[in-house]
Amino acid sequence: MSESIVTKKVLAEGFKELMAKKPFEKITISDITDICGLNRQTFYYHFRDKYDLLNWVFYNEAITPFIDNLTFDNWSKKLLDMLSIIAKDSRFYTNAMRTSYSYEFKEYMHRVSTNVFVEVIEGIAGKGVMAEEDKLFIAEFFSYGLIGTVVNWVTDGMKKPPENIVSHIENLVNDCKRLAISRYTGEVKSINT
């Protein structure tokens, strides 16, 4: 592991330790460097500011494990892994999700999950069967629901185990898949008839 990565991890651990004790807005660069035993120059050599450090932690600890080799077949396991990581550092992630920066996390996860849902829709309906605009609308709808559920779970104190959240989402996705398949095969009549 490179020296740069080691230093970033030290800064991240100190930052997470501080985030478990006080709000993000009250943490200074001096607080971070003091807890790590490093100087400010070292911090600024690796990160622009504390938002950049927060982004690095999100990306390396929660997002990268989720998106690495993400497929339609493994999305629920990947989601469970991500939620378990978040639950393990619950104080940090709860504090982080309550910052103005949480918007960045939500937008990134929205882009990733929208792509997964497009893949799901194409797997059900087949490529070229549905207009791209319709596919994207449905994928974004489910993506916002997924991200909203995760963010609410975090900001509400993660009262339910990650397995429960994933199970609910998985059941909803599977029910929607069954409905979509039956609708396209003509087995279900419209609710309005």
N, C-alpha and C. Protein backbone atom coordinates (compact mmCIF):
# COMPACT_ATOMS: atom_id res chain seq x y z
N MET A 1 0.86 -1.17 0.00
CA MET A 1 0.00 0.00 0.00
C MET A 1 0.90 1.24 0.00
N SER A 2 0.57 2.21 -0.84
CA SER A 2 1.40 3.40 -0.95
C SER A 2 1.33 4.24 0.32
N GLU A 3 2.36 5.04 0.53
CA GLU A 3 2.41 5.92 1.70
C GLU A 3 1.25 6.91 1.68
N SER A 4 0.89 7.38 0.49
CA SER A 4 -0.23 8.31 0.35
C SER A 4 -1.54 7.69 0.84
N ILE A 5 -1.79 6.45 0.46
CA ILE A 5 -3.02 5.76 0.89
C ILE A 5 -3.01 5.55 2.40
N VAL A 6 -1.85 5.19 2.93
CA VAL A 6 -1.74 4.99 4.38
C VAL A 6 -2.07 6.30 5.11
N THR A 7 -1.52 7.41 4.64
CA THR A 7 -1.79 8.71 5.27
C THR A 7 -3.26 9.07 5.15
N LYS A 8 -3.85 8.84 3.99
CA LYS A 8 -5.27 9.14 3.82
C LYS A 8 -6.12 8.31 4.78
N LYS A 9 -5.75 7.06 4.96
CA LYS A 9 -6.50 6.20 5.90
C LYS A 9 -6.35 6.69 7.33
N VAL A 10 -5.16 7.15 7.70
CA VAL A 10 -4.95 7.70 9.05
C VAL A 10 -5.83 8.93 9.25
N LEU A 11 -5.84 9.83 8.26
CA LEU A 11 -6.68 11.03 8.35
C LEU A 11 -8.16 10.65 8.40
N ALA A 12 -8.56 9.66 7.62
CA ALA A 12 -9.95 9.21 7.61
C ALA A 12 -10.36 8.63 8.97
N GLU A 13 -9.49 7.83 9.56
CA GLU A 13 -9.81 7.24 10.87
C GLU A 13 -9.94 8.31 11.95
N GLY A 14 -9.03 9.27 11.94
CA GLY A 14 -9.11 10.37 12.90
C GLY A 14 -10.38 11.18 12.70
N PHE A 15 -10.71 11.44 11.45
CA PHE A 15 -11.91 12.18 11.08
C PHE A 15 -13.16 11.43 11.56
N LYS A 16 -13.19 10.13 11.34
CA LYS A 16 -14.34 9.32 11.77
C LYS A 16 -14.46 9.32 13.28
N GLU A 17 -13.33 9.28 13.97
CA GLU A 17 -13.35 9.32 15.42
C GLU A 17 -13.96 10.65 15.91
N LEU A 18 -13.58 11.75 15.26
CA LEU A 18 -14.15 13.05 15.61
C LEU A 18 -15.64 13.12 15.28
N MET A 19 -16.02 12.57 14.13
CA MET A 19 -17.43 12.60 13.70
C MET A 19 -18.32 11.80 14.64
N ALA A 20 -17.75 10.86 15.35
CA ALA A 20 -18.54 10.09 16.31
C ALA A 20 -18.83 10.91 17.57
N LYS A 21 -18.08 12.01 17.74
CA LYS A 21 -18.21 12.81 18.96
C LYS A 21 -18.86 14.16 18.75
N LYS A 22 -18.66 14.75 17.55
CA LYS A 22 -19.22 16.08 17.34
C LYS A 22 -19.69 16.27 15.90
N PRO A 23 -20.58 17.23 15.68
CA PRO A 23 -21.11 17.45 14.32
C PRO A 23 -20.03 17.83 13.32
N PHE A 24 -20.25 17.45 12.10
CA PHE A 24 -19.34 17.72 10.99
C PHE A 24 -18.98 19.20 10.91
N GLU A 25 -19.99 20.06 11.03
CA GLU A 25 -19.79 21.50 10.88
C GLU A 25 -18.83 22.06 11.92
N LYS A 26 -18.71 21.42 13.05
CA LYS A 26 -17.85 21.92 14.13
C LYS A 26 -16.42 21.36 14.08
N ILE A 27 -16.18 20.45 13.16
CA ILE A 27 -14.85 19.85 13.04
C ILE A 27 -13.98 20.73 12.15
N THR A 28 -12.78 21.02 12.63
CA THR A 28 -11.84 21.83 11.86
C THR A 28 -10.70 20.94 11.34
N ILE A 29 -9.95 21.49 10.40
CA ILE A 29 -8.78 20.78 9.88
C ILE A 29 -7.78 20.57 11.02
N SER A 30 -7.64 21.55 11.89
CA SER A 30 -6.75 21.42 13.05
C SER A 30 -7.18 20.27 13.95
N ASP A 31 -8.50 20.12 14.16
CA ASP A 31 -9.00 18.99 14.96
C ASP A 31 -8.54 17.66 14.34
N ILE A 32 -8.68 17.57 13.02
CA ILE A 32 -8.34 16.32 12.33
C ILE A 32 -6.84 16.04 12.43
N THR A 33 -6.04 17.06 12.15
CA THR A 33 -4.59 16.83 12.17
C THR A 33 -4.09 16.59 13.59
N ASP A 34 -4.69 17.26 14.57
CA ASP A 34 -4.27 17.05 15.97
C ASP A 34 -4.53 15.61 16.42
N ILE A 35 -5.71 15.09 16.11
CA ILE A 35 -6.05 13.73 16.55
C ILE A 35 -5.18 12.68 15.86
N CYS A 36 -4.69 13.02 14.66
CA CYS A 36 -3.85 12.09 13.89
C CYS A 36 -2.36 12.28 14.17
N GLY A 37 -2.01 13.38 14.84
CA GLY A 37 -0.60 13.66 15.07
C GLY A 37 0.12 14.08 13.80
N LEU A 38 -0.60 14.72 12.90
CA LEU A 38 -0.03 15.19 11.63
C LEU A 38 -0.14 16.71 11.56
N ASN A 39 0.51 17.32 10.58
CA ASN A 39 0.38 18.78 10.44
C ASN A 39 -0.60 19.13 9.32
N ARG A 40 -0.98 20.40 9.30
CA ARG A 40 -1.97 20.87 8.31
C ARG A 40 -1.47 20.69 6.88
N GLN A 41 -0.17 20.88 6.67
CA GLN A 41 0.39 20.71 5.32
C GLN A 41 0.16 19.30 4.81
N THR A 42 0.30 18.33 5.69
CA THR A 42 0.07 16.94 5.30
C THR A 42 -1.38 16.75 4.90
N PHE A 43 -2.29 17.33 5.68
CA PHE A 43 -3.71 17.22 5.32
C PHE A 43 -3.94 17.81 3.93
N TYR A 44 -3.47 19.03 3.71
CA TYR A 44 -3.73 19.71 2.43
C TYR A 44 -2.98 19.09 1.26
N TYR A 45 -1.96 18.32 1.54
CA TYR A 45 -1.29 17.60 0.47
C TYR A 45 -2.22 16.50 -0.08
N HIS A 46 -3.06 15.94 0.79
CA HIS A 46 -3.92 14.82 0.41
C HIS A 46 -5.37 15.20 0.11
N PHE A 47 -5.87 16.25 0.77
CA PHE A 47 -7.28 16.64 0.61
C PHE A 47 -7.40 18.15 0.50
N ARG A 48 -8.38 18.61 -0.29
CA ARG A 48 -8.62 20.05 -0.44
C ARG A 48 -9.22 20.64 0.84
N ASP A 49 -10.17 19.90 1.44
CA ASP A 49 -10.86 20.37 2.63
C ASP A 49 -11.55 19.18 3.28
N LYS A 50 -12.31 19.42 4.32
CA LYS A 50 -12.95 18.32 5.03
C LYS A 50 -14.06 17.67 4.19
N TYR A 51 -14.63 18.41 3.24
CA TYR A 51 -15.64 17.83 2.34
C TYR A 51 -14.98 16.80 1.42
N ASP A 52 -13.78 17.12 0.97
CA ASP A 52 -13.03 16.20 0.12
C ASP A 52 -12.70 14.92 0.90
N LEU A 53 -12.32 15.07 2.17
CA LEU A 53 -12.05 13.91 3.02
C LEU A 53 -13.32 13.09 3.23
N LEU A 54 -14.44 13.76 3.48
CA LEU A 54 -15.71 13.06 3.66
C LEU A 54 -16.07 12.28 2.40
N ASN A 55 -15.88 12.90 1.25
CA ASN A 55 -16.14 12.23 -0.03
C ASN A 55 -15.25 11.00 -0.17
N TRP A 56 -13.98 11.11 0.20
CA TRP A 56 -13.04 10.00 0.10
C TRP A 56 -13.50 8.83 0.97
N VAL A 57 -13.96 9.13 2.19
CA VAL A 57 -14.44 8.08 3.09
C VAL A 57 -15.68 7.41 2.49
N PHE A 58 -16.67 8.21 2.06
CA PHE A 58 -17.88 7.65 1.44
C PHE A 58 -17.50 6.74 0.28
N TYR A 59 -16.68 7.28 -0.62
CA TYR A 59 -16.37 6.56 -1.83
C TYR A 59 -15.60 5.26 -1.55
N ASN A 60 -14.61 5.33 -0.68
CA ASN A 60 -13.76 4.16 -0.43
C ASN A 60 -14.38 3.13 0.49
N GLU A 61 -15.21 3.55 1.42
CA GLU A 61 -15.77 2.59 2.37
C GLU A 61 -17.16 2.08 2.00
N ALA A 62 -18.00 2.92 1.44
CA ALA A 62 -19.38 2.51 1.18
C ALA A 62 -19.67 2.31 -0.30
N ILE A 63 -19.24 3.24 -1.12
CA ILE A 63 -19.64 3.21 -2.53
C ILE A 63 -18.82 2.21 -3.35
N THR A 64 -17.50 2.23 -3.21
CA THR A 64 -16.67 1.32 -4.01
C THR A 64 -17.04 -0.15 -3.80
N PRO A 65 -17.19 -0.61 -2.56
CA PRO A 65 -17.60 -2.01 -2.38
C PRO A 65 -18.97 -2.30 -3.02
N PHE A 66 -19.84 -1.29 -3.08
CA PHE A 66 -21.16 -1.49 -3.67
C PHE A 66 -21.07 -1.59 -5.20
N ILE A 67 -20.30 -0.72 -5.82
CA ILE A 67 -20.30 -0.69 -7.29
C ILE A 67 -19.32 -1.66 -7.94
N ASP A 68 -18.31 -2.13 -7.21
CA ASP A 68 -17.37 -3.09 -7.80
C ASP A 68 -18.09 -4.37 -8.20
N ASN A 69 -18.07 -4.65 -9.51
CA ASN A 69 -18.70 -5.86 -10.07
C ASN A 69 -20.19 -5.94 -9.76
N LEU A 70 -20.86 -4.80 -9.68
CA LEU A 70 -22.30 -4.75 -9.41
C LEU A 70 -23.07 -5.25 -10.64
N THR A 71 -23.97 -6.19 -10.42
CA THR A 71 -24.81 -6.72 -11.49
C THR A 71 -26.25 -6.85 -10.99
N PHE A 72 -27.13 -7.15 -11.92
CA PHE A 72 -28.52 -7.40 -11.56
C PHE A 72 -28.63 -8.59 -10.60
N ASP A 73 -27.80 -9.58 -10.79
CA ASP A 73 -27.87 -10.78 -9.96
C ASP A 73 -27.34 -10.60 -8.54
N ASN A 74 -26.43 -9.64 -8.34
CA ASN A 74 -25.85 -9.51 -7.00
C ASN A 74 -26.18 -8.20 -6.29
N TRP A 75 -27.07 -7.38 -6.85
CA TRP A 75 -27.33 -6.06 -6.28
C TRP A 75 -27.79 -6.13 -4.83
N SER A 76 -28.62 -7.12 -4.48
CA SER A 76 -29.14 -7.15 -3.10
C SER A 76 -28.04 -7.52 -2.11
N LYS A 77 -27.13 -8.42 -2.50
CA LYS A 77 -26.01 -8.76 -1.62
C LYS A 77 -25.09 -7.55 -1.47
N LYS A 78 -24.83 -6.86 -2.58
CA LYS A 78 -23.99 -5.66 -2.54
C LYS A 78 -24.62 -4.58 -1.67
N LEU A 79 -25.93 -4.42 -1.78
CA LEU A 79 -26.63 -3.44 -0.95
C LEU A 79 -26.52 -3.82 0.52
N LEU A 80 -26.69 -5.10 0.83
CA LEU A 80 -26.56 -5.56 2.21
C LEU A 80 -25.14 -5.29 2.73
N ASP A 81 -24.14 -5.56 1.91
CA ASP A 81 -22.76 -5.29 2.31
C ASP A 81 -22.56 -3.80 2.62
N MET A 82 -23.10 -2.94 1.75
CA MET A 82 -22.96 -1.49 1.95
C MET A 82 -23.66 -1.05 3.24
N LEU A 83 -24.89 -1.52 3.45
CA LEU A 83 -25.63 -1.14 4.66
C LEU A 83 -24.95 -1.67 5.91
N SER A 84 -24.34 -2.84 5.83
CA SER A 84 -23.61 -3.39 6.97
C SER A 84 -22.39 -2.55 7.31
N ILE A 85 -21.70 -2.06 6.28
CA ILE A 85 -20.55 -1.16 6.49
C ILE A 85 -21.02 0.12 7.17
N ILE A 86 -22.13 0.66 6.67
CA ILE A 86 -22.68 1.89 7.24
C ILE A 86 -23.11 1.66 8.68
N ALA A 87 -23.77 0.53 8.96
CA ALA A 87 -24.23 0.23 10.31
C ALA A 87 -23.07 0.07 11.28
N LYS A 88 -21.97 -0.51 10.79
CA LYS A 88 -20.80 -0.72 11.64
C LYS A 88 -20.23 0.61 12.14
N ASP A 89 -20.28 1.63 11.31
CA ASP A 89 -19.82 2.98 11.68
C ASP A 89 -21.02 3.93 11.76
N SER A 90 -22.04 3.50 12.47
CA SER A 90 -23.32 4.22 12.47
C SER A 90 -23.22 5.67 12.91
N ARG A 91 -22.44 5.96 13.91
CA ARG A 91 -22.36 7.35 14.39
C ARG A 91 -21.74 8.25 13.32
N PHE A 92 -20.71 7.75 12.65
CA PHE A 92 -20.09 8.53 11.59
C PHE A 92 -21.07 8.79 10.45
N TYR A 93 -21.70 7.72 9.95
CA TYR A 93 -22.58 7.88 8.78
C TYR A 93 -23.85 8.65 9.12
N THR A 94 -24.36 8.51 10.32
CA THR A 94 -25.53 9.30 10.71
C THR A 94 -25.17 10.77 10.73
N ASN A 95 -24.04 11.10 11.32
CA ASN A 95 -23.57 12.48 11.34
C ASN A 95 -23.32 12.98 9.92
N ALA A 96 -22.68 12.16 9.09
CA ALA A 96 -22.36 12.55 7.72
C ALA A 96 -23.62 12.78 6.89
N MET A 97 -24.63 11.96 7.07
CA MET A 97 -25.88 12.11 6.30
C MET A 97 -26.67 13.34 6.71
N ARG A 98 -26.36 13.87 7.85
CA ARG A 98 -27.07 15.07 8.32
C ARG A 98 -26.37 16.35 7.88
N THR A 99 -25.28 16.22 7.13
CA THR A 99 -24.56 17.40 6.64
C THR A 99 -25.12 17.82 5.30
N SER A 100 -24.74 19.01 4.89
CA SER A 100 -25.16 19.48 3.57
C SER A 100 -24.51 18.64 2.48
N TYR A 101 -23.42 17.96 2.79
CA TYR A 101 -22.72 17.16 1.81
C TYR A 101 -23.47 15.89 1.43
N SER A 102 -24.41 15.47 2.23
CA SER A 102 -25.12 14.22 1.93
C SER A 102 -25.75 14.24 0.54
N TYR A 103 -25.99 15.43 0.02
CA TYR A 103 -26.53 15.55 -1.34
C TYR A 103 -25.61 14.85 -2.35
N GLU A 104 -24.30 15.02 -2.19
CA GLU A 104 -23.35 14.39 -3.10
C GLU A 104 -23.46 12.86 -3.06
N PHE A 105 -23.56 12.32 -1.86
CA PHE A 105 -23.70 10.88 -1.69
C PHE A 105 -24.98 10.40 -2.36
N LYS A 106 -26.08 11.10 -2.12
CA LYS A 106 -27.37 10.71 -2.70
C LYS A 106 -27.32 10.75 -4.22
N GLU A 107 -26.74 11.80 -4.78
CA GLU A 107 -26.68 11.92 -6.23
C GLU A 107 -25.82 10.82 -6.85
N TYR A 108 -24.71 10.50 -6.24
CA TYR A 108 -23.84 9.45 -6.75
C TYR A 108 -24.56 8.10 -6.70
N MET A 109 -25.17 7.80 -5.58
CA MET A 109 -25.90 6.54 -5.44
C MET A 109 -27.09 6.49 -6.39
N HIS A 110 -27.71 7.63 -6.64
CA HIS A 110 -28.83 7.68 -7.59
C HIS A 110 -28.35 7.28 -8.99
N ARG A 111 -27.22 7.81 -9.42
CA ARG A 111 -26.70 7.47 -10.75
C ARG A 111 -26.39 5.98 -10.85
N VAL A 112 -25.74 5.44 -9.82
CA VAL A 112 -25.37 4.02 -9.83
C VAL A 112 -26.62 3.14 -9.84
N SER A 113 -27.57 3.41 -8.94
CA SER A 113 -28.75 2.56 -8.84
C SER A 113 -29.67 2.71 -10.05
N THR A 114 -29.71 3.89 -10.66
CA THR A 114 -30.51 4.06 -11.88
C THR A 114 -29.99 3.12 -12.96
N ASN A 115 -28.67 3.03 -13.11
CA ASN A 115 -28.09 2.12 -14.10
C ASN A 115 -28.46 0.66 -13.82
N VAL A 116 -28.46 0.28 -12.53
CA VAL A 116 -28.84 -1.08 -12.17
C VAL A 116 -30.31 -1.33 -12.52
N PHE A 117 -31.17 -0.36 -12.21
CA PHE A 117 -32.59 -0.55 -12.51
C PHE A 117 -32.86 -0.57 -14.01
N VAL A 118 -32.10 0.18 -14.80
CA VAL A 118 -32.24 0.09 -16.25
C VAL A 118 -31.90 -1.33 -16.70
N GLU A 119 -30.86 -1.90 -16.12
CA GLU A 119 -30.48 -3.28 -16.44
C GLU A 119 -31.60 -4.26 -16.06
N VAL A 120 -32.23 -4.02 -14.91
CA VAL A 120 -33.35 -4.87 -14.47
C VAL A 120 -34.49 -4.78 -15.48
N ILE A 121 -34.83 -3.57 -15.87
CA ILE A 121 -35.94 -3.36 -16.81
C ILE A 121 -35.64 -4.03 -18.15
N GLU A 122 -34.42 -3.89 -18.63
CA GLU A 122 -34.04 -4.52 -19.90
C GLU A 122 -34.05 -6.04 -19.77
N GLY A 123 -33.71 -6.55 -18.60
CA GLY A 123 -33.75 -7.99 -18.36
C GLY A 123 -35.16 -8.53 -18.39
N ILE A 124 -36.11 -7.72 -17.95
CA ILE A 124 -37.51 -8.15 -17.93
C ILE A 124 -38.16 -7.96 -19.29
N ALA A 125 -38.04 -6.75 -19.82
CA ALA A 125 -38.76 -6.42 -21.05
C ALA A 125 -37.98 -6.75 -22.32
N GLY A 126 -36.67 -6.85 -22.19
CA GLY A 126 -35.85 -7.03 -23.37
C GLY A 126 -35.40 -5.69 -23.92
N LYS A 127 -34.23 -5.67 -24.52
CA LYS A 127 -33.71 -4.41 -25.08
C LYS A 127 -34.54 -4.02 -26.29
N GLY A 128 -34.81 -2.72 -26.37
CA GLY A 128 -35.53 -2.20 -27.52
C GLY A 128 -37.04 -2.34 -27.45
N VAL A 129 -37.56 -3.04 -26.44
CA VAL A 129 -39.01 -3.23 -26.33
C VAL A 129 -39.68 -1.98 -25.78
N MET A 130 -39.00 -1.31 -24.87
CA MET A 130 -39.56 -0.15 -24.19
C MET A 130 -38.78 1.09 -24.61
N ALA A 131 -39.48 2.21 -24.74
CA ALA A 131 -38.81 3.46 -25.09
C ALA A 131 -37.79 3.82 -24.02
N GLU A 132 -36.64 4.35 -24.46
CA GLU A 132 -35.57 4.73 -23.53
C GLU A 132 -36.09 5.69 -22.47
N GLU A 133 -36.92 6.63 -22.87
CA GLU A 133 -37.48 7.61 -21.93
C GLU A 133 -38.30 6.93 -20.84
N ASP A 134 -39.11 5.95 -21.21
CA ASP A 134 -39.92 5.22 -20.23
C ASP A 134 -39.04 4.39 -19.29
N LYS A 135 -38.03 3.72 -19.87
CA LYS A 135 -37.11 2.93 -19.07
C LYS A 135 -36.41 3.79 -18.02
N LEU A 136 -35.93 4.95 -18.47
CA LEU A 136 -35.21 5.84 -17.58
C LEU A 136 -36.13 6.38 -16.49
N PHE A 137 -37.37 6.72 -16.84
CA PHE A 137 -38.33 7.22 -15.84
C PHE A 137 -38.56 6.18 -14.74
N ILE A 138 -38.81 4.94 -15.14
CA ILE A 138 -39.06 3.87 -14.17
C ILE A 138 -37.82 3.61 -13.32
N ALA A 139 -36.66 3.57 -13.96
CA ALA A 139 -35.40 3.33 -13.23
C ALA A 139 -35.13 4.43 -12.22
N GLU A 140 -35.34 5.68 -12.61
CA GLU A 140 -35.13 6.80 -11.69
C GLU A 140 -36.13 6.77 -10.54
N PHE A 141 -37.35 6.40 -10.82
CA PHE A 141 -38.37 6.30 -9.78
C PHE A 141 -37.93 5.31 -8.70
N PHE A 142 -37.51 4.12 -9.12
CA PHE A 142 -37.06 3.12 -8.16
C PHE A 142 -35.76 3.53 -7.47
N SER A 143 -34.89 4.19 -8.21
CA SER A 143 -33.63 4.65 -7.63
C SER A 143 -33.87 5.64 -6.50
N TYR A 144 -34.73 6.62 -6.76
CA TYR A 144 -35.04 7.60 -5.70
C TYR A 144 -35.67 6.91 -4.49
N GLY A 145 -36.51 5.93 -4.73
CA GLY A 145 -37.10 5.18 -3.62
C GLY A 145 -36.05 4.44 -2.81
N LEU A 146 -35.12 3.80 -3.51
CA LEU A 146 -34.05 3.07 -2.83
C LEU A 146 -33.17 4.01 -2.01
N ILE A 147 -32.71 5.09 -2.63
CA ILE A 147 -31.82 6.03 -1.95
C ILE A 147 -32.55 6.70 -0.80
N GLY A 148 -33.79 7.09 -1.01
CA GLY A 148 -34.57 7.70 0.07
C GLY A 148 -34.72 6.76 1.25
N THR A 149 -34.96 5.50 0.97
CA THR A 149 -35.08 4.50 2.03
C THR A 149 -33.79 4.37 2.81
N VAL A 150 -32.67 4.29 2.11
CA VAL A 150 -31.37 4.15 2.78
C VAL A 150 -31.06 5.39 3.61
N VAL A 151 -31.25 6.57 3.04
CA VAL A 151 -30.95 7.81 3.76
C VAL A 151 -31.86 7.94 4.99
N ASN A 152 -33.14 7.65 4.84
CA ASN A 152 -34.05 7.71 5.99
C ASN A 152 -33.65 6.71 7.06
N TRP A 153 -33.24 5.53 6.65
CA TRP A 153 -32.79 4.51 7.60
C TRP A 153 -31.59 5.03 8.40
N VAL A 154 -30.66 5.66 7.71
CA VAL A 154 -29.46 6.18 8.38
C VAL A 154 -29.82 7.34 9.31
N THR A 155 -30.54 8.33 8.80
CA THR A 155 -30.83 9.52 9.61
C THR A 155 -31.81 9.24 10.74
N ASP A 156 -32.55 8.14 10.63
CA ASP A 156 -33.49 7.76 11.69
C ASP A 156 -32.82 6.89 12.76
N GLY A 157 -31.53 6.68 12.64
CA GLY A 157 -30.81 5.95 13.67
C GLY A 157 -30.63 4.47 13.40
N MET A 158 -30.90 4.00 12.19
CA MET A 158 -30.67 2.60 11.79
C MET A 158 -31.31 1.63 12.78
N LYS A 159 -32.57 1.85 13.08
CA LYS A 159 -33.28 1.03 14.07
C LYS A 159 -33.51 -0.40 13.60
N LYS A 160 -33.65 -0.58 12.29
CA LYS A 160 -33.84 -1.93 11.75
C LYS A 160 -32.50 -2.47 11.26
N PRO A 161 -32.29 -3.78 11.38
CA PRO A 161 -31.04 -4.35 10.86
C PRO A 161 -30.98 -4.22 9.33
N PRO A 162 -29.77 -4.12 8.77
CA PRO A 162 -29.63 -3.99 7.32
C PRO A 162 -30.37 -5.09 6.55
N GLU A 163 -30.40 -6.30 7.12
CA GLU A 163 -31.08 -7.43 6.44
C GLU A 163 -32.56 -7.13 6.22
N ASN A 164 -33.20 -6.47 7.18
CA ASN A 164 -34.63 -6.13 7.04
C ASN A 164 -34.84 -5.13 5.91
N ILE A 165 -33.99 -4.12 5.83
CA ILE A 165 -34.12 -3.11 4.79
C ILE A 165 -33.95 -3.76 3.41
N VAL A 166 -32.91 -4.55 3.26
CA VAL A 166 -32.65 -5.21 1.97
C VAL A 166 -33.78 -6.16 1.63
N SER A 167 -34.29 -6.89 2.60
CA SER A 167 -35.39 -7.83 2.35
C SER A 167 -36.63 -7.10 1.84
N HIS A 168 -36.97 -5.98 2.45
CA HIS A 168 -38.13 -5.19 2.00
C HIS A 168 -37.93 -4.70 0.56
N ILE A 169 -36.75 -4.18 0.28
CA ILE A 169 -36.46 -3.67 -1.06
C ILE A 169 -36.46 -4.80 -2.08
N GLU A 170 -35.85 -5.91 -1.71
CA GLU A 170 -35.79 -7.07 -2.61
C GLU A 170 -37.20 -7.59 -2.91
N ASN A 171 -38.05 -7.67 -1.90
CA ASN A 171 -39.43 -8.13 -2.10
C ASN A 171 -40.18 -7.19 -3.04
N LEU A 172 -40.00 -5.89 -2.84
CA LEU A 172 -40.66 -4.92 -3.71
C LEU A 172 -40.19 -5.05 -5.15
N VAL A 173 -38.88 -5.16 -5.34
CA VAL A 173 -38.33 -5.30 -6.69
C VAL A 173 -38.84 -6.59 -7.35
N ASN A 174 -38.84 -7.70 -6.60
CA ASN A 174 -39.32 -8.97 -7.15
C ASN A 174 -40.81 -8.92 -7.49
N ASP A 175 -41.62 -8.29 -6.63
CA ASP A 175 -43.05 -8.16 -6.93
C ASP A 175 -43.27 -7.32 -8.18
N CYS A 176 -42.50 -6.26 -8.32
CA CYS A 176 -42.62 -5.41 -9.51
C CYS A 176 -42.17 -6.16 -10.76
N LYS A 177 -41.13 -6.98 -10.63
CA LYS A 177 -40.68 -7.79 -11.76
C LYS A 177 -41.79 -8.75 -12.21
N ARG A 178 -42.41 -9.42 -11.22
CA ARG A 178 -43.49 -10.37 -11.57
C ARG A 178 -44.65 -9.65 -12.24
N LEU A 179 -45.02 -8.50 -11.72
CA LEU A 179 -46.11 -7.73 -12.32
C LEU A 179 -45.75 -7.30 -13.74
N ALA A 180 -44.53 -6.83 -13.92
CA ALA A 180 -44.10 -6.38 -15.24
C ALA A 180 -44.09 -7.54 -16.24
N ILE A 181 -43.58 -8.69 -15.82
CA ILE A 181 -43.56 -9.85 -16.71
C ILE A 181 -44.97 -10.26 -17.09
N SER A 182 -45.84 -10.33 -16.10
CA SER A 182 -47.22 -10.74 -16.40
C SER A 182 -47.93 -9.70 -17.26
N ARG A 183 -47.61 -8.45 -17.06
CA ARG A 183 -48.23 -7.40 -17.87
C ARG A 183 -47.79 -7.52 -19.33
N TYR A 184 -46.49 -7.78 -19.53
CA TYR A 184 -45.98 -7.89 -20.90
C TYR A 184 -46.40 -9.18 -21.57
N THR A 185 -46.70 -10.20 -20.79
CA THR A 185 -47.16 -11.45 -21.40
C THR A 185 -48.69 -11.49 -21.52
N GLY A 186 -49.34 -10.42 -21.02
CA GLY A 186 -50.79 -10.32 -21.13
C GLY A 186 -51.57 -11.10 -20.10
N GLU A 187 -50.94 -11.51 -19.02
CA GLU A 187 -51.60 -12.33 -18.00
C GLU A 187 -52.36 -11.49 -16.98
N VAL A 188 -52.12 -10.20 -16.92
CA VAL A 188 -52.79 -9.34 -15.93
C VAL A 188 -53.60 -8.31 -16.66
N LYS A 189 -54.87 -8.14 -16.26
CA LYS A 189 -55.71 -7.10 -16.84
C LYS A 189 -55.39 -5.79 -16.16
N SER A 190 -55.62 -4.73 -16.85
CA SER A 190 -55.39 -3.40 -16.31
C SER A 190 -56.26 -3.19 -15.07
N ILE A 191 -55.74 -2.47 -14.11
CA ILE A 191 -56.50 -2.18 -12.89
C ILE A 191 -57.73 -1.35 -13.20
N ASN A 192 -57.68 -0.56 -14.26
CA ASN A 192 -58.79 0.31 -14.61
C ASN A 192 -59.93 -0.41 -15.33
N THR A 193 -59.77 -1.68 -15.71
CA THR A 193 -60.84 -2.38 -16.43
C THR A 193 -61.67 -3.23 -15.51
